[in-house]
Amino acid sequence: MSMSVLEALTPSTAMQCFTPNGCSLLLRVRASITLHERLRGLETCITSLDTQETQCQSVWVARASHRQQAGQQLQVHFGCFEVSVAQRLYVTLRTIPHFCGVQLDQSHLVEAGQLSYWVDRRRKAILVQVPRASGSPDYFVRLCLKLFTCKDAGAPVLVNASSVSRAVSLPYSQELPCLCLEGWSATPDAVRTQICPFENDTRALEMLWDTVHYHPGSQTLSWEPACPVSGQVSLCWCPGPGDSCHKLQHSSQLAHRRVQYLLVDTQPQLCLKFSTSWGSWVRCPFKQHRFPTPPTSRCTCVTEGGHSSQPVNLHSRPAHFLQPQLTWKLPLPLPSW
C-alpha cells in the first residue's frame, strides 16, 4: 500500500463544558485519506512525552465500500482525547492492517496561552476557559467588534489567578462575523489573543443583511453594515416568487459604509441586492407590507446623473421615465404600480 493513502493528520485543541464552571480541554484528531481496497480502518494514537502514557482510537471502513469507492477521498473525525494545558504530545496515524512505512506522525503542544471556548447558542453566551499554568498572572477576557479597532461589546472580565474555576460566561446579543473574543494577561503591554468564533459562520453572515430600515416619513430606505464588508449594494426588481432580482441601473453603492436611497416607494417587488466576496444575498423589505404607503407615492428614479423623483398616482400606470431601469436585455412586462 502506498504512503499516499494517508494525506493529512490534523490535531487541534477544543473545550467541552457541561456546566459554566465545569470545562475540560480536549484534543480532536482529523485525518484525510484516499480509500484503498485493502484498507480496513484507521488507528490514531497520542503519547504524552512527559509520562509516556499512550491512548489510541480506531475507526473502520465499511467492507462493502472497498472496491466501489477505491480512490475516493475521505475525511475522518476521531473521538476526543482529554488533555491538559502545556502537555507535549506525539500524535500518530496508521492504517488497519498496518503496512510498513505507511504512517503519519506529528508533535503537538497544548498551548498554555491559548484560549478555549464553547458557543452556547441557546443561552446566547460564549463560555471561555482561561488556561491555568504555573505562576500565571490574572487574566482579562472580553467580547469586542473587530472594526478598525476592536470595539467593546461587553465589559472586560477579570479572571483571578487564584480562582478555583478559570471559566467565564460572556453573553452576546447578536452573532456577527466580526464578534471576537479577546484575552490578555493583567501585565503591562501584554500581547492580546483574539479569536472570532463566527468569522466563517453562515448564520452570522446572514445576519449582516437583515439590518435594512425604512423611514415612512422621509421615504428613505437604508442599510448600515454591522461589520466591515467589501462589496456592493444595489436596488433590484423581482417580478415574482422564484424569479431573479434584476439590478436597477446606476443604483450601486459601496457596502463598506451606510447606504441609503431617498424617496423610495414601498413596492413589494423592490429589493436590495448585496454582492460580496462571500456571495450574493437579496432582501425585499416591502414584501410583507410592513410599512404604510403614503396616499401620493413618490418613486425613486435612478438616472445617469443621480437620483430624481416625481409624484405618481397610485392608480395610474407609470410614465416611461419612471419605469425601473433594468440591466436585463430582453423586454420585460411593466410592473403594476
C-alpha atoms as a PDB file:
ATOM      1  CA  MET A   1       0.000   0.000   0.000  1.00  0.00           C
ATOM      2  CA  SER A   2       1.350   3.439  -0.949  1.00  0.00           C
ATOM      3  CA  MET A   3       2.083   6.171   1.565  1.00  0.00           C
ATOM      4  CA  SER A   4      -0.206   8.446  -0.498  1.00  0.00           C
ATOM      5  CA  VAL A   5      -3.244   6.720   1.112  1.00  0.00           C
ATOM      6  CA  LEU A   6      -2.672   8.903   4.204  1.00  0.00           C
ATOM      7  CA  GLU A   7      -2.927  12.516   3.064  1.00  0.00           C
ATOM      8  CA  ALA A   8      -3.112  14.673   6.203  1.00  0.00           C
ATOM      9  CA  LEU A   9      -3.205  14.491  10.002  1.00  0.00           C
ATOM     10  CA  THR A  10      -4.658  17.493  11.872  1.00  0.00           C
ATOM     11  CA  PRO A  11      -4.746  17.656  15.699  1.00  0.00           C
ATOM     12  CA  SER A  12      -6.464  20.640  17.355  1.00  0.00           C
ATOM     13  CA  THR A  13      -7.390  21.723  20.871  1.00  0.00           C
ATOM     14  CA  ALA A  14     -11.040  22.134  21.912  1.00  0.00           C
ATOM     15  CA  MET A  15     -13.033  22.555  25.108  1.00  0.00           C
ATOM     16  CA  GLN A  16     -16.045  20.690  26.465  1.00  0.00           C
ATOM     17  CA  CYS A  17     -18.308  22.282  29.058  1.00  0.00           C
ATOM     18  CA  PHE A  18     -21.144  20.517  30.870  1.00  0.00           C
ATOM     19  CA  THR A  19     -21.842  23.452  33.188  1.00  0.00           C
ATOM     20  CA  PRO A  20     -20.472  27.028  33.171  1.00  0.00           C
ATOM     21  CA  ASN A  21     -17.972  26.043  35.865  1.00  0.00           C
ATOM     22  CA  GLY A  22     -17.049  22.585  34.588  1.00  0.00           C
ATOM     23  CA  CYS A  23     -14.894  22.550  31.437  1.00  0.00           C
ATOM     24  CA  SER A  24     -12.111  20.303  30.211  1.00  0.00           C
ATOM     25  CA  LEU A  25      -9.530  20.581  27.426  1.00  0.00           C
ATOM     26  CA  LEU A  26      -9.716  18.015  24.638  1.00  0.00           C
ATOM     27  CA  LEU A  27      -7.611  17.067  21.649  1.00  0.00           C
ATOM     28  CA  ARG A  28      -9.501  16.488  18.397  1.00  0.00           C
ATOM     29  CA  VAL A  29      -7.856  14.464  15.627  1.00  0.00           C
ATOM     30  CA  ARG A  30      -8.932  14.722  11.996  1.00  0.00           C
ATOM     31  CA  ALA A  31      -7.466  12.773   9.066  1.00  0.00           C
ATOM     32  CA  SER A  32      -7.708  12.995   5.269  1.00  0.00           C
ATOM     33  CA  ILE A  33      -7.231   9.723   3.379  1.00  0.00           C
ATOM     34  CA  THR A  34      -7.653   8.134  -0.053  1.00  0.00           C
ATOM     35  CA  LEU A  35      -9.723   4.928   0.089  1.00  0.00           C
ATOM     36  CA  HIS A  36      -7.961   1.696  -0.911  1.00  0.00           C
ATOM     37  CA  GLU A  37      -9.471  -1.766  -1.391  1.00  0.00           C
ATOM     38  CA  ARG A  38      -7.028  -3.252   1.146  1.00  0.00           C
ATOM     39  CA  LEU A  39      -7.776  -0.578   3.763  1.00  0.00           C
ATOM     40  CA  ARG A  40      -9.964  -1.870   6.622  1.00  0.00           C
ATOM     41  CA  GLY A  41      -9.672   1.024   9.035  1.00  0.00           C
ATOM     42  CA  LEU A  42      -7.521   3.675  10.712  1.00  0.00           C
ATOM     43  CA  GLU A  43      -5.875   3.984  14.112  1.00  0.00           C
ATOM     44  CA  THR A  44      -4.670   7.170  15.776  1.00  0.00           C
ATOM     45  CA  CYS A  45      -2.662   7.282  18.996  1.00  0.00           C
ATOM     46  CA  ILE A  46      -1.446  10.097  21.245  1.00  0.00           C
ATOM     47  CA  THR A  47       1.552   9.652  23.513  1.00  0.00           C
ATOM     48  CA  SER A  48       2.398  12.064  26.330  1.00  0.00           C
ATOM     49  CA  LEU A  49       6.105  12.880  26.073  1.00  0.00           C
ATOM     50  CA  ASP A  50       6.128  13.674  29.793  1.00  0.00           C
ATOM     51  CA  THR A  51       4.567  10.443  31.131  1.00  0.00           C
ATOM     52  CA  GLN A  52       4.893   8.110  28.092  1.00  0.00           C
ATOM     53  CA  GLU A  53       1.197   7.267  28.538  1.00  0.00           C
ATOM     54  CA  THR A  54      -0.465   6.276  25.228  1.00  0.00           C
ATOM     55  CA  GLN A  55      -4.145   6.392  24.212  1.00  0.00           C
ATOM     56  CA  CYS A  56      -5.472   5.019  20.909  1.00  0.00           C
ATOM     57  CA  GLN A  57      -8.719   5.076  18.925  1.00  0.00           C
ATOM     58  CA  SER A  58      -9.775   3.146  15.828  1.00  0.00           C
ATOM     59  CA  VAL A  59     -12.366   3.628  13.099  1.00  0.00           C
ATOM     60  CA  TRP A  60     -13.419   1.058  10.496  1.00  0.00           C
ATOM     61  CA  VAL A  61     -14.257   1.355   6.807  1.00  0.00           C
ATOM     62  CA  ALA A  62     -17.431  -0.454   5.712  1.00  0.00           C
ATOM     63  CA  ARG A  63     -16.362  -3.648   3.903  1.00  0.00           C
ATOM     64  CA  ALA A  64     -18.917  -3.280   1.087  1.00  0.00           C
ATOM     65  CA  SER A  65     -17.415   0.034   0.020  1.00  0.00           C
ATOM     66  CA  HIS A  66     -13.799  -1.067  -0.535  1.00  0.00           C
ATOM     67  CA  ARG A  67     -13.861  -1.770  -4.277  1.00  0.00           C
ATOM     68  CA  GLN A  68     -16.720   0.589  -5.132  1.00  0.00           C
ATOM     69  CA  GLN A  69     -15.088   3.651  -3.541  1.00  0.00           C
ATOM     70  CA  ALA A  70     -11.381   2.947  -4.095  1.00  0.00           C
ATOM     71  CA  GLY A  71      -9.531   6.166  -4.971  1.00  0.00           C
ATOM     72  CA  GLN A  72     -12.096   8.473  -3.385  1.00  0.00           C
ATOM     73  CA  GLN A  73     -11.060  10.957  -0.694  1.00  0.00           C
ATOM     74  CA  LEU A  74     -12.484  10.721   2.818  1.00  0.00           C
ATOM     75  CA  GLN A  75     -12.418  12.967   5.890  1.00  0.00           C
ATOM     76  CA  VAL A  76     -12.224  11.017   9.168  1.00  0.00           C
ATOM     77  CA  HIS A  77     -13.046  12.570  12.561  1.00  0.00           C
ATOM     78  CA  PHE A  78     -11.882  10.590  15.586  1.00  0.00           C
ATOM     79  CA  GLY A  79     -13.303  10.979  19.081  1.00  0.00           C
ATOM     80  CA  CYS A  80     -11.697  13.418  21.519  1.00  0.00           C
ATOM     81  CA  PHE A  81      -8.805  12.731  23.877  1.00  0.00           C
ATOM     82  CA  GLU A  82      -8.738  14.513  27.251  1.00  0.00           C
ATOM     83  CA  VAL A  83      -5.537  16.537  27.642  1.00  0.00           C
ATOM     84  CA  SER A  84      -4.093  19.211  29.946  1.00  0.00           C
ATOM     85  CA  VAL A  85      -2.551  22.635  29.440  1.00  0.00           C
ATOM     86  CA  ALA A  86       1.107  22.716  28.280  1.00  0.00           C
ATOM     87  CA  GLN A  87       1.108  18.962  27.646  1.00  0.00           C
ATOM     88  CA  ARG A  88       3.528  17.788  24.928  1.00  0.00           C
ATOM     89  CA  LEU A  89       2.048  15.077  22.722  1.00  0.00           C
ATOM     90  CA  TYR A  90       3.173  12.809  19.898  1.00  0.00           C
ATOM     91  CA  VAL A  91       0.276  12.014  17.533  1.00  0.00           C
ATOM     92  CA  THR A  92       0.360   9.131  15.020  1.00  0.00           C
ATOM     93  CA  LEU A  93      -1.970   7.857  12.287  1.00  0.00           C
ATOM     94  CA  ARG A  94      -1.700   4.309  10.855  1.00  0.00           C
ATOM     95  CA  THR A  95      -3.745   2.054   8.597  1.00  0.00           C
ATOM     96  CA  ILE A  96      -5.547  -1.132   9.637  1.00  0.00           C
ATOM     97  CA  PRO A  97      -3.990  -3.533   8.816  1.00  0.00           C
ATOM     98  CA  HIS A  98      -0.672  -1.769   9.374  1.00  0.00           C
ATOM     99  CA  PHE A  99       1.673  -1.566   6.374  1.00  0.00           C
ATOM    100  CA  CYS A 100       5.341  -0.865   6.940  1.00  0.00           C
ATOM    101  CA  GLY A 101       6.193   2.797   6.329  1.00  0.00           C
ATOM    102  CA  VAL A 102       2.553   3.873   5.877  1.00  0.00           C
ATOM    103  CA  GLN A 103       2.219   6.214   8.861  1.00  0.00           C
ATOM    104  CA  LEU A 104       1.842   9.934   9.626  1.00  0.00           C
ATOM    105  CA  ASP A 105       3.117  11.475  12.864  1.00  0.00           C
ATOM    106  CA  GLN A 106       3.159  14.945  14.349  1.00  0.00           C
ATOM    107  CA  SER A 107       4.199  16.670  17.584  1.00  0.00           C
ATOM    108  CA  HIS A 108       1.571  18.826  19.278  1.00  0.00           C
ATOM    109  CA  LEU A 109       1.780  21.230  22.212  1.00  0.00           C
ATOM    110  CA  VAL A 110      -1.387  22.056  24.148  1.00  0.00           C
ATOM    111  CA  GLU A 111      -0.542  25.734  24.442  1.00  0.00           C
ATOM    112  CA  ALA A 112      -0.784  27.335  27.866  1.00  0.00           C
ATOM    113  CA  GLY A 113      -1.573  30.786  26.473  1.00  0.00           C
ATOM    114  CA  GLN A 114      -4.376  29.747  24.111  1.00  0.00           C
ATOM    115  CA  LEU A 115      -7.991  30.478  24.960  1.00  0.00           C
ATOM    116  CA  SER A 116     -10.522  27.704  24.585  1.00  0.00           C
ATOM    117  CA  TYR A 117     -14.218  28.470  24.138  1.00  0.00           C
ATOM    118  CA  TRP A 118     -17.624  26.931  23.528  1.00  0.00           C
ATOM    119  CA  VAL A 119     -20.622  28.750  21.993  1.00  0.00           C
ATOM    120  CA  ASP A 120     -23.931  28.209  23.807  1.00  0.00           C
ATOM    121  CA  ARG A 121     -26.413  29.403  21.176  1.00  0.00           C
ATOM    122  CA  ARG A 122     -29.440  28.634  23.347  1.00  0.00           C
ATOM    123  CA  ARG A 123     -28.266  30.991  26.112  1.00  0.00           C
ATOM    124  CA  LYS A 124     -26.530  33.378  23.653  1.00  0.00           C
ATOM    125  CA  ALA A 125     -23.254  33.185  25.541  1.00  0.00           C
ATOM    126  CA  ILE A 126     -19.641  32.206  24.865  1.00  0.00           C
ATOM    127  CA  LEU A 127     -18.073  30.058  27.596  1.00  0.00           C
ATOM    128  CA  VAL A 128     -14.364  30.752  27.879  1.00  0.00           C
ATOM    129  CA  GLN A 129     -11.759  28.561  29.578  1.00  0.00           C
ATOM    130  CA  VAL A 130      -8.689  30.550  30.607  1.00  0.00           C
ATOM    131  CA  PRO A 131      -5.667  28.213  30.678  1.00  0.00           C
ATOM    132  CA  ARG A 132      -4.014  27.561  34.031  1.00  0.00           C
ATOM    133  CA  ALA A 133      -0.237  27.431  34.136  1.00  0.00           C
ATOM    134  CA  SER A 134       2.312  27.576  36.919  1.00  0.00           C
ATOM    135  CA  GLY A 135       2.889  31.176  38.013  1.00  0.00           C
ATOM    136  CA  SER A 136       0.350  32.579  35.552  1.00  0.00           C
ATOM    137  CA  PRO A 137      -0.948  36.118  36.325  1.00  0.00           C
ATOM    138  CA  ASP A 138      -4.523  37.389  36.429  1.00  0.00           C
ATOM    139  CA  TYR A 139      -6.213  37.427  33.041  1.00  0.00           C
ATOM    140  CA  PHE A 140      -8.753  39.652  31.263  1.00  0.00           C
ATOM    141  CA  VAL A 141     -11.290  38.450  28.688  1.00  0.00           C
ATOM    142  CA  ARG A 142     -13.904  40.423  26.763  1.00  0.00           C
ATOM    143  CA  LEU A 143     -16.082  40.406  23.639  1.00  0.00           C
ATOM    144  CA  CYS A 144     -15.462  43.077  21.027  1.00  0.00           C
ATOM    145  CA  LEU A 145     -16.471  44.027  17.483  1.00  0.00           C
ATOM    146  CA  LYS A 146     -13.486  43.933  15.140  1.00  0.00           C
ATOM    147  CA  LEU A 147     -13.815  47.153  13.154  1.00  0.00           C
ATOM    148  CA  PHE A 148     -10.772  49.414  12.634  1.00  0.00           C
ATOM    149  CA  THR A 149     -10.007  48.578  16.254  1.00  0.00           C
ATOM    150  CA  CYS A 150     -11.791  46.054  18.450  1.00  0.00           C
ATOM    151  CA  LYS A 151     -14.730  47.985  19.929  1.00  0.00           C
ATOM    152  CA  ASP A 152     -16.136  46.848  23.295  1.00  0.00           C
ATOM    153  CA  ALA A 153     -19.200  44.574  23.034  1.00  0.00           C
ATOM    154  CA  GLY A 154     -19.238  43.961  26.779  1.00  0.00           C
ATOM    155  CA  ALA A 155     -17.248  44.857  29.874  1.00  0.00           C
ATOM    156  CA  PRO A 156     -13.885  43.065  30.352  1.00  0.00           C
ATOM    157  CA  VAL A 157     -13.994  40.258  32.925  1.00  0.00           C
ATOM    158  CA  LEU A 158     -11.062  39.708  35.305  1.00  0.00           C
ATOM    159  CA  VAL A 159     -10.143  36.081  35.985  1.00  0.00           C
ATOM    160  CA  ASN A 160      -8.035  35.826  39.135  1.00  0.00           C
ATOM    161  CA  ALA A 161      -5.025  33.524  39.016  1.00  0.00           C
ATOM    162  CA  SER A 162      -6.082  32.074  42.382  1.00  0.00           C
ATOM    163  CA  SER A 163      -9.634  31.223  41.235  1.00  0.00           C
ATOM    164  CA  VAL A 164     -10.644  27.590  41.514  1.00  0.00           C
ATOM    165  CA  SER A 165     -12.571  27.941  38.246  1.00  0.00           C
ATOM    166  CA  ARG A 166     -10.956  29.704  35.291  1.00  0.00           C
ATOM    167  CA  ALA A 167     -14.124  29.504  33.178  1.00  0.00           C
ATOM    168  CA  VAL A 168     -16.311  32.556  32.486  1.00  0.00           C
ATOM    169  CA  SER A 169     -19.502  33.141  30.517  1.00  0.00           C
ATOM    170  CA  LEU A 170     -19.674  36.146  28.179  1.00  0.00           C
ATOM    171  CA  PRO A 171     -23.194  36.996  26.892  1.00  0.00           C
ATOM    172  CA  TYR A 172     -23.699  38.405  23.397  1.00  0.00           C
ATOM    173  CA  SER A 173     -26.724  39.991  21.714  1.00  0.00           C
ATOM    174  CA  GLN A 174     -26.129  39.002  18.075  1.00  0.00           C
ATOM    175  CA  GLU A 175     -23.974  36.528  16.167  1.00  0.00           C
ATOM    176  CA  LEU A 176     -21.768  38.517  13.803  1.00  0.00           C
ATOM    177  CA  PRO A 177     -18.666  37.604  11.761  1.00  0.00           C
ATOM    178  CA  CYS A 178     -16.716  40.416  13.452  1.00  0.00           C
ATOM    179  CA  LEU A 179     -17.696  39.485  17.028  1.00  0.00           C
ATOM    180  CA  CYS A 180     -14.430  38.386  18.627  1.00  0.00           C
ATOM    181  CA  LEU A 181     -13.165  37.018  21.904  1.00  0.00           C
ATOM    182  CA  GLU A 182     -10.101  38.817  23.231  1.00  0.00           C
ATOM    183  CA  GLY A 183      -7.872  37.807  26.128  1.00  0.00           C
ATOM    184  CA  TRP A 184      -4.708  39.216  27.695  1.00  0.00           C
ATOM    185  CA  SER A 185      -2.630  38.878  30.856  1.00  0.00           C
ATOM    186  CA  ALA A 186      -3.007  41.573  33.526  1.00  0.00           C
ATOM    187  CA  THR A 187       0.569  42.746  32.956  1.00  0.00           C
ATOM    188  CA  PRO A 188       1.870  45.914  31.240  1.00  0.00           C
ATOM    189  CA  ASP A 189       1.995  45.751  27.413  1.00  0.00           C
ATOM    190  CA  ALA A 190       0.591  42.208  27.356  1.00  0.00           C
ATOM    191  CA  VAL A 191       0.036  40.629  23.939  1.00  0.00           C
ATOM    192  CA  ARG A 192      -3.674  40.096  23.246  1.00  0.00           C
ATOM    193  CA  THR A 193      -5.089  36.847  21.893  1.00  0.00           C
ATOM    194  CA  GLN A 194      -8.049  37.294  19.546  1.00  0.00           C
ATOM    195  CA  ILE A 195     -10.465  34.610  18.315  1.00  0.00           C
ATOM    196  CA  CYS A 196     -13.572  35.294  16.186  1.00  0.00           C
ATOM    197  CA  PRO A 197     -15.963  32.322  16.678  1.00  0.00           C
ATOM    198  CA  PHE A 198     -18.456  33.357  13.947  1.00  0.00           C
ATOM    199  CA  GLU A 199     -15.941  34.530  11.338  1.00  0.00           C
ATOM    200  CA  ASN A 200     -16.927  31.895   8.757  1.00  0.00           C
ATOM    201  CA  ASP A 201     -20.361  31.044  10.166  1.00  0.00           C
ATOM    202  CA  THR A 202     -23.167  31.021   7.560  1.00  0.00           C
ATOM    203  CA  ARG A 203     -25.825  32.055  10.076  1.00  0.00           C
ATOM    204  CA  ALA A 204     -23.724  35.047  11.207  1.00  0.00           C
ATOM    205  CA  LEU A 205     -23.201  36.163   7.607  1.00  0.00           C
ATOM    206  CA  GLU A 206     -26.970  36.100   7.025  1.00  0.00           C
ATOM    207  CA  MET A 207     -27.418  38.484   9.975  1.00  0.00           C
ATOM    208  CA  LEU A 208     -25.451  41.220   8.193  1.00  0.00           C
ATOM    209  CA  TRP A 209     -28.118  41.741   5.554  1.00  0.00           C
ATOM    210  CA  ASP A 210     -31.093  41.910   7.928  1.00  0.00           C
ATOM    211  CA  THR A 211     -30.412  45.447   9.191  1.00  0.00           C
ATOM    212  CA  VAL A 212     -32.489  47.127   6.468  1.00  0.00           C
ATOM    213  CA  HIS A 213     -34.585  50.090   7.686  1.00  0.00           C
ATOM    214  CA  TYR A 214     -37.285  52.218   6.090  1.00  0.00           C
ATOM    215  CA  HIS A 215     -38.490  55.606   7.349  1.00  0.00           C
ATOM    216  CA  PRO A 216     -42.059  56.190   6.069  1.00  0.00           C
ATOM    217  CA  GLY A 217     -41.973  59.950   6.717  1.00  0.00           C
ATOM    218  CA  SER A 218     -38.971  60.679   4.513  1.00  0.00           C
ATOM    219  CA  GLN A 219     -39.404  57.505   2.419  1.00  0.00           C
ATOM    220  CA  THR A 220     -35.745  56.635   2.999  1.00  0.00           C
ATOM    221  CA  LEU A 221     -34.519  53.064   2.597  1.00  0.00           C
ATOM    222  CA  SER A 222     -31.201  52.467   4.391  1.00  0.00           C
ATOM    223  CA  TRP A 223     -28.749  49.768   5.435  1.00  0.00           C
ATOM    224  CA  GLU A 224     -25.627  50.036   7.555  1.00  0.00           C
ATOM    225  CA  PRO A 225     -23.080  47.216   7.943  1.00  0.00           C
ATOM    226  CA  ALA A 226     -22.587  45.938  11.488  1.00  0.00           C
ATOM    227  CA  CYS A 227     -19.199  44.557  10.391  1.00  0.00           C
ATOM    228  CA  PRO A 228     -16.662  45.662   7.777  1.00  0.00           C
ATOM    229  CA  VAL A 229     -17.924  44.473   4.384  1.00  0.00           C
ATOM    230  CA  SER A 230     -16.262  44.622   0.975  1.00  0.00           C
ATOM    231  CA  GLY A 231     -18.717  44.638  -1.913  1.00  0.00           C
ATOM    232  CA  GLN A 232     -21.667  46.498  -3.398  1.00  0.00           C
ATOM    233  CA  VAL A 233     -25.313  47.182  -2.603  1.00  0.00           C
ATOM    234  CA  SER A 234     -27.862  47.911  -5.329  1.00  0.00           C
ATOM    235  CA  LEU A 235     -31.606  48.176  -5.844  1.00  0.00           C
ATOM    236  CA  CYS A 236     -33.149  45.341  -7.828  1.00  0.00           C
ATOM    237  CA  TRP A 237     -36.593  44.397  -9.158  1.00  0.00           C
ATOM    238  CA  CYS A 238     -38.046  40.935  -8.518  1.00  0.00           C
ATOM    239  CA  PRO A 239     -41.093  40.321 -10.785  1.00  0.00           C
ATOM    240  CA  GLY A 240     -42.389  37.316  -8.857  1.00  0.00           C
ATOM    241  CA  PRO A 241     -41.624  34.446  -6.453  1.00  0.00           C
ATOM    242  CA  GLY A 242     -38.638  32.407  -7.599  1.00  0.00           C
ATOM    243  CA  ASP A 243     -37.608  34.974 -10.226  1.00  0.00           C
ATOM    244  CA  SER A 244     -34.153  36.520 -10.426  1.00  0.00           C
ATOM    245  CA  CYS A 245     -33.810  40.009  -8.987  1.00  0.00           C
ATOM    246  CA  HIS A 246     -32.776  42.331 -11.831  1.00  0.00           C
ATOM    247  CA  LYS A 247     -30.440  45.122 -10.770  1.00  0.00           C
ATOM    248  CA  LEU A 248     -31.568  48.711 -11.438  1.00  0.00           C
ATOM    249  CA  GLN A 249     -29.036  50.688 -13.439  1.00  0.00           C
ATOM    250  CA  HIS A 250     -26.927  53.312 -11.639  1.00  0.00           C
ATOM    251  CA  SER A 251     -28.153  52.197  -8.186  1.00  0.00           C
ATOM    252  CA  SER A 252     -24.937  50.517  -6.983  1.00  0.00           C
ATOM    253  CA  GLN A 253     -23.205  51.831  -3.868  1.00  0.00           C
ATOM    254  CA  LEU A 254     -20.171  50.588  -1.945  1.00  0.00           C
ATOM    255  CA  ALA A 255     -21.112  48.397   1.021  1.00  0.00           C
ATOM    256  CA  HIS A 256     -18.361  49.430   3.419  1.00  0.00           C
ATOM    257  CA  ARG A 257     -20.394  52.351   4.842  1.00  0.00           C
ATOM    258  CA  ARG A 258     -24.009  53.422   5.392  1.00  0.00           C
ATOM    259  CA  VAL A 259     -26.130  53.065   2.249  1.00  0.00           C
ATOM    260  CA  GLN A 260     -29.393  54.942   1.726  1.00  0.00           C
ATOM    261  CA  TYR A 261     -31.890  55.565  -1.066  1.00  0.00           C
ATOM    262  CA  LEU A 262     -34.186  58.609  -0.862  1.00  0.00           C
ATOM    263  CA  LEU A 263     -37.878  58.857  -1.835  1.00  0.00           C
ATOM    264  CA  VAL A 264     -38.355  55.123  -2.233  1.00  0.00           C
ATOM    265  CA  ASP A 265     -41.841  53.773  -2.914  1.00  0.00           C
ATOM    266  CA  THR A 266     -42.987  50.723  -0.918  1.00  0.00           C
ATOM    267  CA  GLN A 267     -43.294  48.356  -3.876  1.00  0.00           C
ATOM    268  CA  PRO A 268     -43.244  44.647  -2.846  1.00  0.00           C
ATOM    269  CA  GLN A 269     -41.069  43.823  -5.869  1.00  0.00           C
ATOM    270  CA  LEU A 270     -38.388  46.382  -4.933  1.00  0.00           C
ATOM    271  CA  CYS A 271     -35.439  44.725  -3.162  1.00  0.00           C
ATOM    272  CA  LEU A 272     -31.849  45.259  -2.088  1.00  0.00           C
ATOM    273  CA  LYS A 273     -29.096  43.051  -3.503  1.00  0.00           C
ATOM    274  CA  PHE A 274     -25.804  42.585  -1.658  1.00  0.00           C
ATOM    275  CA  SER A 275     -22.831  41.338  -3.707  1.00  0.00           C
ATOM    276  CA  THR A 276     -19.669  40.435  -1.762  1.00  0.00           C
ATOM    277  CA  SER A 277     -16.736  38.041  -1.935  1.00  0.00           C
ATOM    278  CA  TRP A 278     -18.795  35.638   0.245  1.00  0.00           C
ATOM    279  CA  GLY A 279     -21.656  35.524  -2.269  1.00  0.00           C
ATOM    280  CA  SER A 280     -24.880  37.389  -3.054  1.00  0.00           C
ATOM    281  CA  TRP A 281     -27.966  37.973  -0.907  1.00  0.00           C
ATOM    282  CA  VAL A 282     -31.319  39.631  -1.657  1.00  0.00           C
ATOM    283  CA  ARG A 283     -33.610  41.278   0.900  1.00  0.00           C
ATOM    284  CA  CYS A 284     -37.116  42.530  -0.006  1.00  0.00           C
ATOM    285  CA  PRO A 285     -38.242  44.752   2.903  1.00  0.00           C
ATOM    286  CA  PHE A 286     -41.655  45.644   1.410  1.00  0.00           C
ATOM    287  CA  LYS A 287     -42.736  42.106   0.585  1.00  0.00           C
ATOM    288  CA  GLN A 288     -44.655  41.678   3.847  1.00  0.00           C
ATOM    289  CA  HIS A 289     -46.349  45.124   3.629  1.00  0.00           C
ATOM    290  CA  ARG A 290     -44.906  46.152   6.996  1.00  0.00           C
ATOM    291  CA  PHE A 291     -44.710  49.850   6.066  1.00  0.00           C
ATOM    292  CA  PRO A 292     -47.611  52.273   5.381  1.00  0.00           C
ATOM    293  CA  THR A 293     -47.980  53.588   1.822  1.00  0.00           C
ATOM    294  CA  PRO A 294     -48.434  57.384   1.518  1.00  0.00           C
ATOM    295  CA  PRO A 295     -51.637  58.490  -0.324  1.00  0.00           C
ATOM    296  CA  THR A 296     -49.478  60.102  -3.048  1.00  0.00           C
ATOM    297  CA  SER A 297     -46.476  57.937  -3.718  1.00  0.00           C
ATOM    298  CA  ARG A 298     -43.078  59.040  -4.899  1.00  0.00           C
ATOM    299  CA  CYS A 299     -40.805  56.716  -6.786  1.00  0.00           C
ATOM    300  CA  THR A 300     -37.030  56.776  -6.966  1.00  0.00           C
ATOM    301  CA  CYS A 301     -35.846  57.448 -10.493  1.00  0.00           C
ATOM    302  CA  VAL A 302     -32.294  56.263 -10.989  1.00  0.00           C
ATOM    303  CA  THR A 303     -30.718  58.135 -13.892  1.00  0.00           C
ATOM    304  CA  GLU A 304     -27.187  58.525 -15.092  1.00  0.00           C
ATOM    305  CA  GLY A 305     -26.816  61.860 -13.370  1.00  0.00           C
ATOM    306  CA  GLY A 306     -28.084  60.641  -9.990  1.00  0.00           C
ATOM    307  CA  HIS A 307     -31.434  60.149  -8.223  1.00  0.00           C
ATOM    308  CA  SER A 308     -34.546  62.212  -9.024  1.00  0.00           C
ATOM    309  CA  SER A 309     -38.187  61.806  -8.049  1.00  0.00           C
ATOM    310  CA  GLN A 310     -41.639  62.544  -9.453  1.00  0.00           C
ATOM    311  CA  PRO A 311     -45.113  62.150  -7.875  1.00  0.00           C
ATOM    312  CA  VAL A 312     -47.056  59.169  -9.160  1.00  0.00           C
ATOM    313  CA  ASN A 313     -50.796  58.462  -8.899  1.00  0.00           C
ATOM    314  CA  LEU A 314     -51.179  55.041  -7.261  1.00  0.00           C
ATOM    315  CA  HIS A 315     -53.930  54.044  -9.713  1.00  0.00           C
ATOM    316  CA  SER A 316     -52.116  55.082 -12.871  1.00  0.00           C
ATOM    317  CA  ARG A 317     -49.512  53.348 -14.950  1.00  0.00           C
ATOM    318  CA  PRO A 318     -46.000  54.894 -14.538  1.00  0.00           C
ATOM    319  CA  ALA A 319     -44.657  57.149 -17.247  1.00  0.00           C
ATOM    320  CA  HIS A 320     -41.815  55.811 -19.375  1.00  0.00           C
ATOM    321  CA  PHE A 321     -39.104  57.651 -17.410  1.00  0.00           C
ATOM    322  CA  LEU A 322     -40.382  56.172 -14.115  1.00  0.00           C
ATOM    323  CA  GLN A 323     -40.066  52.555 -15.184  1.00  0.00           C
ATOM    324  CA  PRO A 324     -37.329  50.653 -13.307  1.00  0.00           C
ATOM    325  CA  GLN A 325     -34.195  50.686 -15.448  1.00  0.00           C
ATOM    326  CA  LEU A 326     -33.021  47.083 -15.528  1.00  0.00           C
ATOM    327  CA  THR A 327     -29.820  45.612 -16.858  1.00  0.00           C
ATOM    328  CA  TRP A 328     -31.902  42.817 -18.441  1.00  0.00           C
ATOM    329  CA  LYS A 329     -31.527  42.685 -22.252  1.00  0.00           C
ATOM    330  CA  LEU A 330     -34.892  41.093 -23.068  1.00  0.00           C
ATOM    331  CA  PRO A 331     -38.207  43.034 -22.924  1.00  0.00           C
ATOM    332  CA  LEU A 332     -39.869  42.700 -19.516  1.00  0.00           C
ATOM    333  CA  PRO A 333     -43.535  43.302 -18.602  1.00  0.00           C
ATOM    334  CA  LEU A 334     -44.156  46.592 -16.858  1.00  0.00           C
ATOM    335  CA  PRO A 335     -44.624  46.249 -13.089  1.00  0.00           C
ATOM    336  CA  SER A 336     -48.029  47.096 -11.599  1.00  0.00           C
ATOM    337  CA  TRP A 337     -47.800  50.250  -9.535  1.00  0.00           C
END
